[in-house]
């Protein structure tokens, strides 16, 4: 691994302490965090909401063959990428 040249910066001591406190808080928050993967299949309404698109747009993509779908009863499910 190649290291880049170091640059020295002058930082106010108060700002440095604030940054250290922020890093400690972020570390604390992330320590117990768990990443939950998206389900493989999502209802059309959830898929549209996740993408910030209208349900009509998602239905148009389905008709155009851009998305893989399946039915669970009357619910149209979209496969997550």
C-alpha atoms as a PDB file:
ATOM      1  CA  UNK A   1       0.000   0.000   0.000  1.00  0.00           C
ATOM      2  CA  UNK A   2       1.365   3.380  -0.987  1.00  0.00           C
ATOM      3  CA  UNK A   3       0.988   6.233   1.487  1.00  0.00           C
ATOM      4  CA  UNK A   4       0.258   9.742   0.343  1.00  0.00           C
ATOM      5  CA  UNK A   5       2.433  12.634   1.525  1.00  0.00           C
ATOM      6  CA  UNK A   6       1.351  14.077   4.867  1.00  0.00           C
ATOM      7  CA  UNK A   7       0.192  17.647   5.255  1.00  0.00           C
ATOM      8  CA  UNK A   8       0.198  19.454   8.574  1.00  0.00           C
ATOM      9  CA  UNK A   9      -2.751  21.642   9.450  1.00  0.00           C
ATOM     10  CA  UNK A  10      -3.219  24.111  12.238  1.00  0.00           C
ATOM     11  CA  UNK A  11      -6.507  23.453  14.016  1.00  0.00           C
ATOM     12  CA  UNK A  12      -8.032  25.298  16.930  1.00  0.00           C
ATOM     13  CA  UNK A  13      -7.848  23.152  20.074  1.00  0.00           C
ATOM     14  CA  UNK A  14     -11.577  23.590  20.766  1.00  0.00           C
ATOM     15  CA  UNK A  15     -12.472  22.452  17.242  1.00  0.00           C
ATOM     16  CA  UNK A  16     -10.186  19.438  17.592  1.00  0.00           C
ATOM     17  CA  UNK A  17     -11.827  18.469  20.877  1.00  0.00           C
ATOM     18  CA  UNK A  18     -15.271  18.836  19.287  1.00  0.00           C
ATOM     19  CA  UNK A  19     -14.200  16.577  16.394  1.00  0.00           C
ATOM     20  CA  UNK A  20     -12.826  13.988  18.808  1.00  0.00           C
ATOM     21  CA  UNK A  21     -16.091  14.030  20.767  1.00  0.00           C
ATOM     22  CA  UNK A  22     -18.064  13.604  17.543  1.00  0.00           C
ATOM     23  CA  UNK A  23     -15.899  10.665  16.464  1.00  0.00           C
ATOM     24  CA  UNK A  24     -16.349   9.032  19.897  1.00  0.00           C
ATOM     25  CA  UNK A  25     -20.134   9.472  19.663  1.00  0.00           C
ATOM     26  CA  UNK A  26     -20.261   8.066  16.117  1.00  0.00           C
ATOM     27  CA  UNK A  27     -18.108   5.124  17.188  1.00  0.00           C
ATOM     28  CA  UNK A  28     -20.469   4.492  20.117  1.00  0.00           C
ATOM     29  CA  UNK A  29     -23.513   4.595  17.837  1.00  0.00           C
ATOM     30  CA  UNK A  30     -21.964   2.297  15.248  1.00  0.00           C
ATOM     31  CA  UNK A  31     -20.571  -0.236  17.705  1.00  0.00           C
ATOM     32  CA  UNK A  32     -23.926  -1.947  18.246  1.00  0.00           C
ATOM     33  CA  UNK A  33     -25.309  -1.281  14.771  1.00  0.00           C
ATOM     34  CA  UNK A  34     -26.507  -4.178  12.665  1.00  0.00           C
ATOM     35  CA  UNK A  35     -26.944  -4.059   8.912  1.00  0.00           C
ATOM     36  CA  UNK A  36     -30.097  -5.786   7.786  1.00  0.00           C
ATOM     37  CA  UNK A  37     -30.182  -6.624   4.083  1.00  0.00           C
ATOM     38  CA  UNK A  38     -33.281  -5.741   2.103  1.00  0.00           C
ATOM     39  CA  UNK A  39     -35.634  -8.624   1.452  1.00  0.00           C
ATOM     40  CA  UNK A  40     -35.115 -10.237  -1.949  1.00  0.00           C
ATOM     41  CA  UNK A  41     -38.733  -9.512  -2.981  1.00  0.00           C
ATOM     42  CA  UNK A  42     -40.613  -6.336  -2.059  1.00  0.00           C
ATOM     43  CA  UNK A  43     -44.210  -5.273  -2.639  1.00  0.00           C
ATOM     44  CA  UNK A  44     -44.528  -2.768  -5.488  1.00  0.00           C
ATOM     45  CA  UNK A  45     -45.552   0.003  -3.070  1.00  0.00           C
ATOM     46  CA  UNK A  46     -42.472  -0.508  -0.862  1.00  0.00           C
ATOM     47  CA  UNK A  47     -40.165  -0.743  -3.884  1.00  0.00           C
ATOM     48  CA  UNK A  48     -41.528   2.518  -5.318  1.00  0.00           C
ATOM     49  CA  UNK A  49     -41.208   4.295  -1.957  1.00  0.00           C
ATOM     50  CA  UNK A  50     -37.614   3.089  -1.510  1.00  0.00           C
ATOM     51  CA  UNK A  51     -36.664   4.470  -4.926  1.00  0.00           C
ATOM     52  CA  UNK A  52     -38.696   7.663  -4.536  1.00  0.00           C
ATOM     53  CA  UNK A  53     -40.675   6.831  -7.686  1.00  0.00           C
ATOM     54  CA  UNK A  54     -44.404   6.612  -8.261  1.00  0.00           C
ATOM     55  CA  UNK A  55     -46.152   3.255  -8.407  1.00  0.00           C
ATOM     56  CA  UNK A  56     -47.145   4.107 -11.991  1.00  0.00           C
ATOM     57  CA  UNK A  57     -43.467   4.497 -12.956  1.00  0.00           C
ATOM     58  CA  UNK A  58     -42.633   1.120 -11.417  1.00  0.00           C
ATOM     59  CA  UNK A  59     -45.584  -0.496 -13.250  1.00  0.00           C
ATOM     60  CA  UNK A  60     -44.311   1.026 -16.507  1.00  0.00           C
ATOM     61  CA  UNK A  61     -40.862  -0.465 -15.836  1.00  0.00           C
ATOM     62  CA  UNK A  62     -42.499  -3.841 -15.183  1.00  0.00           C
ATOM     63  CA  UNK A  63     -44.427  -3.660 -18.479  1.00  0.00           C
ATOM     64  CA  UNK A  64     -41.198  -2.715 -20.279  1.00  0.00           C
ATOM     65  CA  UNK A  65     -39.523  -5.815 -18.834  1.00  0.00           C
ATOM     66  CA  UNK A  66     -36.996  -3.823 -16.796  1.00  0.00           C
ATOM     67  CA  UNK A  67     -37.873  -5.492 -13.469  1.00  0.00           C
ATOM     68  CA  UNK A  68     -38.312  -9.096 -12.400  1.00  0.00           C
ATOM     69  CA  UNK A  69     -41.686  -9.703 -10.742  1.00  0.00           C
ATOM     70  CA  UNK A  70     -43.807 -12.405  -9.192  1.00  0.00           C
ATOM     71  CA  UNK A  71     -47.255 -12.543  -7.649  1.00  0.00           C
ATOM     72  CA  UNK A  72     -48.050 -13.492  -4.078  1.00  0.00           C
ATOM     73  CA  UNK A  73     -51.811 -13.737  -4.114  1.00  0.00           C
ATOM     74  CA  UNK A  74     -52.980 -10.376  -5.456  1.00  0.00           C
ATOM     75  CA  UNK A  75     -49.743  -8.610  -4.490  1.00  0.00           C
ATOM     76  CA  UNK A  76     -47.185  -7.792  -7.162  1.00  0.00           C
ATOM     77  CA  UNK A  77     -43.682  -8.359  -5.811  1.00  0.00           C
ATOM     78  CA  UNK A  78     -40.552  -6.771  -7.307  1.00  0.00           C
ATOM     79  CA  UNK A  79     -37.141  -8.427  -7.038  1.00  0.00           C
ATOM     80  CA  UNK A  80     -34.571  -6.195  -5.360  1.00  0.00           C
ATOM     81  CA  UNK A  81     -31.294  -5.770  -7.254  1.00  0.00           C
END
